Amino acid sequence: MTKELHKDICKEHVFTGIYNRYSKDLHDYLYYKYGEQLNPNDKAQDAFIKLWENCKKVSLITAKSFLFKVANNLMLNELKHQKVVLRHQQLKPKNYTDETPEYFMEKEQYRRKYQQAIATLSEEQRVAFMLNRVEGKKHHEIADMLGVTSKVVEYRIYSAFKKLKSELESFY
């Protein structure tokens, strides 16, 4: 007989009867216990979905307790989530860094020196270097854009690196 009870709940007309019988009570229970802000209607619907997914495991006799237990757990999980969200909203981002003022000065000096070094490159070197390093283009893509071979692009990038390295050697 218990096998019949397990099978019955998976039938659409039996499940519809359970839904019609308990949906309002389940919603009201969640609404009165937790309030409107946690969407009790959604959690009640989710509980019925869980019942449908587990219809072979839940008997007709235990369907009501299953629904109320699942819906209550869903609301408790939502409460935990809301607490985490609230905690993260209350955290203030740190408004300081671990870098020293000397670090910022050196960084600015390096940036200026780097821009000067880039300016000393020939136009061909600068274009190939910037397309490769800044825009992330591959050698063959740059070659297609400039109408030269990949070997020429490689040479321009290599010579640009060599020149930049010698110009920026004092920072290493």
C-alpha atoms as a PDB file:
ATOM      1  CA  MET A   1       0.000   0.000   0.000  1.00  0.00           C
ATOM      2  CA  THR A   2       2.872   2.428   0.674  1.00  0.00           C
ATOM      3  CA  LYS A   3       4.054   1.997  -2.897  1.00  0.00           C
ATOM      4  CA  GLU A   4       0.665   3.249  -4.089  1.00  0.00           C
ATOM      5  CA  LEU A   5       0.937   6.320  -1.857  1.00  0.00           C
ATOM      6  CA  HIS A   6       4.326   7.167  -3.333  1.00  0.00           C
ATOM      7  CA  LYS A   7       3.061   6.721  -6.870  1.00  0.00           C
ATOM      8  CA  ASP A   8      -0.120   8.732  -6.303  1.00  0.00           C
ATOM      9  CA  ILE A   9       1.651  12.014  -5.526  1.00  0.00           C
ATOM     10  CA  CYS A  10       3.355  12.001  -8.934  1.00  0.00           C
ATOM     11  CA  LYS A  11       0.027  11.962 -10.710  1.00  0.00           C
ATOM     12  CA  GLU A  12      -0.959  15.394 -11.907  1.00  0.00           C
ATOM     13  CA  HIS A  13      -4.475  15.415 -10.453  1.00  0.00           C
ATOM     14  CA  VAL A  14      -3.210  14.325  -7.010  1.00  0.00           C
ATOM     15  CA  PHE A  15      -0.450  16.956  -7.033  1.00  0.00           C
ATOM     16  CA  THR A  16      -2.957  19.605  -8.116  1.00  0.00           C
ATOM     17  CA  GLY A  17      -5.196  18.604  -5.206  1.00  0.00           C
ATOM     18  CA  ILE A  18      -2.275  18.947  -2.773  1.00  0.00           C
ATOM     19  CA  TYR A  19      -1.424  22.328  -4.268  1.00  0.00           C
ATOM     20  CA  ASN A  20      -4.985  23.589  -4.004  1.00  0.00           C
ATOM     21  CA  ARG A  21      -5.282  22.301  -0.451  1.00  0.00           C
ATOM     22  CA  TYR A  22      -2.007  23.628   1.027  1.00  0.00           C
ATOM     23  CA  SER A  23      -0.789  26.547  -1.096  1.00  0.00           C
ATOM     24  CA  LYS A  24      -2.735  29.290   0.708  1.00  0.00           C
ATOM     25  CA  ASP A  25      -1.923  27.885   4.150  1.00  0.00           C
ATOM     26  CA  LEU A  26       1.763  27.596   3.261  1.00  0.00           C
ATOM     27  CA  HIS A  27       1.889  31.149   1.931  1.00  0.00           C
ATOM     28  CA  ASP A  28       0.105  32.512   5.002  1.00  0.00           C
ATOM     29  CA  TYR A  29       2.414  30.610   7.352  1.00  0.00           C
ATOM     30  CA  LEU A  30       5.496  32.041   5.663  1.00  0.00           C
ATOM     31  CA  TYR A  31       3.999  35.526   5.471  1.00  0.00           C
ATOM     32  CA  TYR A  32       3.076  35.609   9.167  1.00  0.00           C
ATOM     33  CA  LYS A  33       6.363  34.129  10.310  1.00  0.00           C
ATOM     34  CA  TYR A  34       8.816  36.072   8.091  1.00  0.00           C
ATOM     35  CA  GLY A  35       6.945  39.000   6.562  1.00  0.00           C
ATOM     36  CA  GLU A  36       6.563  40.167   2.977  1.00  0.00           C
ATOM     37  CA  GLN A  37      10.153  41.294   2.295  1.00  0.00           C
ATOM     38  CA  LEU A  38      11.436  37.719   1.825  1.00  0.00           C
ATOM     39  CA  ASN A  39       8.839  36.868  -0.866  1.00  0.00           C
ATOM     40  CA  PRO A  40       6.788  34.166   0.860  1.00  0.00           C
ATOM     41  CA  ASN A  41       4.827  33.461  -2.316  1.00  0.00           C
ATOM     42  CA  ASP A  42       8.033  32.609  -4.208  1.00  0.00           C
ATOM     43  CA  LYS A  43       9.246  30.353  -1.419  1.00  0.00           C
ATOM     44  CA  ALA A  44       5.884  28.564  -1.285  1.00  0.00           C
ATOM     45  CA  GLN A  45       6.078  27.972  -5.033  1.00  0.00           C
ATOM     46  CA  ASP A  46       9.671  26.733  -4.668  1.00  0.00           C
ATOM     47  CA  ALA A  47       8.529  24.297  -1.986  1.00  0.00           C
ATOM     48  CA  PHE A  48       5.927  22.862  -4.368  1.00  0.00           C
ATOM     49  CA  ILE A  49       8.597  22.532  -7.039  1.00  0.00           C
ATOM     50  CA  LYS A  50      10.752  20.569  -4.585  1.00  0.00           C
ATOM     51  CA  LEU A  51       7.758  18.376  -3.786  1.00  0.00           C
ATOM     52  CA  TRP A  52       7.238  17.689  -7.491  1.00  0.00           C
ATOM     53  CA  GLU A  53      10.937  16.883  -7.943  1.00  0.00           C
ATOM     54  CA  ASN A  54      10.787  14.455  -5.002  1.00  0.00           C
ATOM     55  CA  CYS A  55       7.297  13.077  -5.619  1.00  0.00           C
ATOM     56  CA  LYS A  56       8.563   9.487  -5.709  1.00  0.00           C
ATOM     57  CA  LYS A  57      10.245   9.881  -2.311  1.00  0.00           C
ATOM     58  CA  VAL A  58       7.444  11.702  -0.470  1.00  0.00           C
ATOM     59  CA  SER A  59       4.264   9.918   0.521  1.00  0.00           C
ATOM     60  CA  LEU A  60       0.847  11.479   0.397  1.00  0.00           C
ATOM     61  CA  ILE A  61       0.696  11.392   4.193  1.00  0.00           C
ATOM     62  CA  THR A  62       3.935  13.355   4.656  1.00  0.00           C
ATOM     63  CA  ALA A  63       3.412  15.841   1.807  1.00  0.00           C
ATOM     64  CA  LYS A  64       2.156  18.650   4.071  1.00  0.00           C
ATOM     65  CA  SER A  65       5.030  18.394   6.537  1.00  0.00           C
ATOM     66  CA  PHE A  66       7.492  18.132   3.648  1.00  0.00           C
ATOM     67  CA  LEU A  67       6.117  21.323   2.088  1.00  0.00           C
ATOM     68  CA  PHE A  68       6.208  23.302   5.325  1.00  0.00           C
ATOM     69  CA  LYS A  69       9.681  22.067   6.249  1.00  0.00           C
ATOM     70  CA  VAL A  70      11.135  22.848   2.812  1.00  0.00           C
ATOM     71  CA  ALA A  71       9.485  26.272   2.668  1.00  0.00           C
ATOM     72  CA  ASN A  72      10.728  27.126   6.162  1.00  0.00           C
ATOM     73  CA  ASN A  73      14.282  26.065   5.219  1.00  0.00           C
ATOM     74  CA  LEU A  74      14.116  28.171   2.062  1.00  0.00           C
ATOM     75  CA  MET A  75      13.126  31.205   4.124  1.00  0.00           C
ATOM     76  CA  LEU A  76      15.909  30.550   6.635  1.00  0.00           C
ATOM     77  CA  ASN A  77      18.428  30.327   3.788  1.00  0.00           C
ATOM     78  CA  GLU A  78      17.129  33.622   2.422  1.00  0.00           C
ATOM     79  CA  LEU A  79      17.500  35.201   5.871  1.00  0.00           C
ATOM     80  CA  LYS A  80      21.111  34.019   6.055  1.00  0.00           C
ATOM     81  CA  HIS A  81      21.747  35.445   2.625  1.00  0.00           C
ATOM     82  CA  GLN A  82      20.230  38.796   3.610  1.00  0.00           C
ATOM     83  CA  LYS A  83      22.498  38.911   6.669  1.00  0.00           C
ATOM     84  CA  VAL A  84      25.560  38.323   4.505  1.00  0.00           C
ATOM     85  CA  VAL A  85      24.453  41.060   2.105  1.00  0.00           C
ATOM     86  CA  LEU A  86      23.887  43.454   4.999  1.00  0.00           C
ATOM     87  CA  ARG A  87      27.283  42.649   6.500  1.00  0.00           C
ATOM     88  CA  HIS A  88      29.016  43.346   3.186  1.00  0.00           C
ATOM     89  CA  GLN A  89      27.130  46.606   2.787  1.00  0.00           C
ATOM     90  CA  GLN A  90      28.331  47.733   6.200  1.00  0.00           C
ATOM     91  CA  LEU A  91      31.982  46.983   5.454  1.00  0.00           C
ATOM     92  CA  LYS A  92      33.811  50.131   4.539  1.00  0.00           C
ATOM     93  CA  PRO A  93      36.515  49.827   1.917  1.00  0.00           C
ATOM     94  CA  LYS A  94      39.907  50.775   3.178  1.00  0.00           C
ATOM     95  CA  ASN A  95      40.882  54.251   2.137  1.00  0.00           C
ATOM     96  CA  TYR A  96      44.605  53.765   2.412  1.00  0.00           C
ATOM     97  CA  THR A  97      47.265  51.832   0.572  1.00  0.00           C
ATOM     98  CA  ASP A  98      50.411  50.095   1.620  1.00  0.00           C
ATOM     99  CA  GLU A  99      52.457  52.006  -0.932  1.00  0.00           C
ATOM    100  CA  THR A 100      54.752  54.709   0.318  1.00  0.00           C
ATOM    101  CA  PRO A 101      54.938  58.229  -1.121  1.00  0.00           C
ATOM    102  CA  GLU A 102      58.349  57.294  -2.534  1.00  0.00           C
ATOM    103  CA  TYR A 103      56.711  54.483  -4.481  1.00  0.00           C
ATOM    104  CA  PHE A 104      54.237  56.909  -6.061  1.00  0.00           C
ATOM    105  CA  MET A 105      57.064  59.333  -6.943  1.00  0.00           C
ATOM    106  CA  GLU A 106      59.110  56.556  -8.536  1.00  0.00           C
ATOM    107  CA  LYS A 107      56.060  55.313 -10.398  1.00  0.00           C
ATOM    108  CA  GLU A 108      55.403  58.761 -11.833  1.00  0.00           C
ATOM    109  CA  GLN A 109      59.057  59.200 -12.729  1.00  0.00           C
ATOM    110  CA  TYR A 110      59.067  55.833 -14.486  1.00  0.00           C
ATOM    111  CA  ARG A 111      55.910  56.715 -16.389  1.00  0.00           C
ATOM    112  CA  ARG A 112      57.438  59.965 -17.629  1.00  0.00           C
ATOM    113  CA  LYS A 113      60.716  58.251 -18.555  1.00  0.00           C
ATOM    114  CA  TYR A 114      58.765  55.495 -20.355  1.00  0.00           C
ATOM    115  CA  GLN A 115      56.795  58.060 -22.372  1.00  0.00           C
ATOM    116  CA  GLN A 116      60.028  59.835 -23.297  1.00  0.00           C
ATOM    117  CA  ALA A 117      61.585  56.535 -24.336  1.00  0.00           C
ATOM    118  CA  ILE A 118      58.539  55.680 -26.461  1.00  0.00           C
ATOM    119  CA  ALA A 119      58.831  59.106 -28.099  1.00  0.00           C
ATOM    120  CA  THR A 120      62.458  58.371 -29.100  1.00  0.00           C
ATOM    121  CA  LEU A 121      61.429  55.303 -31.110  1.00  0.00           C
ATOM    122  CA  SER A 122      61.042  55.623 -34.836  1.00  0.00           C
ATOM    123  CA  GLU A 123      57.488  55.778 -36.108  1.00  0.00           C
ATOM    124  CA  GLU A 124      57.661  52.230 -37.492  1.00  0.00           C
ATOM    125  CA  GLN A 125      59.014  50.847 -34.209  1.00  0.00           C
ATOM    126  CA  ARG A 126      56.494  52.773 -32.114  1.00  0.00           C
ATOM    127  CA  VAL A 127      53.511  51.700 -34.221  1.00  0.00           C
ATOM    128  CA  ALA A 128      54.529  48.029 -34.251  1.00  0.00           C
ATOM    129  CA  PHE A 129      55.372  48.057 -30.536  1.00  0.00           C
ATOM    130  CA  MET A 130      52.135  49.795 -29.465  1.00  0.00           C
ATOM    131  CA  LEU A 131      49.946  47.596 -31.666  1.00  0.00           C
ATOM    132  CA  ASN A 132      51.592  44.517 -30.173  1.00  0.00           C
ATOM    133  CA  ARG A 133      51.876  45.503 -26.515  1.00  0.00           C
ATOM    134  CA  VAL A 134      49.009  47.914 -25.982  1.00  0.00           C
ATOM    135  CA  GLU A 135      46.360  46.521 -28.299  1.00  0.00           C
ATOM    136  CA  GLY A 136      47.518  42.901 -28.080  1.00  0.00           C
ATOM    137  CA  LYS A 137      47.700  42.314 -31.814  1.00  0.00           C
ATOM    138  CA  LYS A 138      49.659  39.368 -33.150  1.00  0.00           C
ATOM    139  CA  HIS A 139      52.631  39.820 -35.469  1.00  0.00           C
ATOM    140  CA  HIS A 140      50.757  38.582 -38.542  1.00  0.00           C
ATOM    141  CA  GLU A 141      47.834  40.941 -37.814  1.00  0.00           C
ATOM    142  CA  ILE A 142      50.184  43.912 -37.561  1.00  0.00           C
ATOM    143  CA  ALA A 143      51.923  42.815 -40.755  1.00  0.00           C
ATOM    144  CA  ASP A 144      48.578  42.739 -42.569  1.00  0.00           C
ATOM    145  CA  MET A 145      47.669  46.186 -41.233  1.00  0.00           C
ATOM    146  CA  LEU A 146      50.998  47.756 -42.189  1.00  0.00           C
ATOM    147  CA  GLY A 147      51.456  45.894 -45.457  1.00  0.00           C
ATOM    148  CA  VAL A 148      54.801  44.342 -44.475  1.00  0.00           C
ATOM    149  CA  THR A 149      55.977  40.838 -43.642  1.00  0.00           C
ATOM    150  CA  SER A 150      55.823  39.275 -40.184  1.00  0.00           C
ATOM    151  CA  LYS A 151      59.626  39.238 -40.022  1.00  0.00           C
ATOM    152  CA  VAL A 152      59.717  43.018 -40.477  1.00  0.00           C
ATOM    153  CA  VAL A 153      57.190  43.434 -37.655  1.00  0.00           C
ATOM    154  CA  GLU A 154      59.225  41.113 -35.413  1.00  0.00           C
ATOM    155  CA  TYR A 155      62.367  43.111 -36.131  1.00  0.00           C
ATOM    156  CA  ARG A 156      60.645  46.434 -35.379  1.00  0.00           C
ATOM    157  CA  ILE A 157      59.264  45.156 -32.078  1.00  0.00           C
ATOM    158  CA  TYR A 158      62.603  43.582 -31.131  1.00  0.00           C
ATOM    159  CA  SER A 159      64.523  46.781 -31.917  1.00  0.00           C
ATOM    160  CA  ALA A 160      61.940  48.818 -29.973  1.00  0.00           C
ATOM    161  CA  PHE A 161      62.422  46.532 -26.956  1.00  0.00           C
ATOM    162  CA  LYS A 162      66.179  46.848 -27.216  1.00  0.00           C
ATOM    163  CA  LYS A 163      66.012  50.641 -27.343  1.00  0.00           C
ATOM    164  CA  LEU A 164      63.488  50.864 -24.473  1.00  0.00           C
ATOM    165  CA  LYS A 165      65.608  48.568 -22.357  1.00  0.00           C
ATOM    166  CA  SER A 166      68.673  50.744 -22.804  1.00  0.00           C
ATOM    167  CA  GLU A 167      66.679  53.938 -22.112  1.00  0.00           C
ATOM    168  CA  LEU A 168      64.999  52.563 -18.973  1.00  0.00           C
ATOM    169  CA  GLU A 169      68.041  50.696 -17.624  1.00  0.00           C
ATOM    170  CA  SER A 170      68.438  53.127 -14.724  1.00  0.00           C
ATOM    171  CA  PHE A 171      65.123  51.955 -13.210  1.00  0.00           C
ATOM    172  CA  TYR A 172      66.150  48.297 -12.918  1.00  0.00           C
END
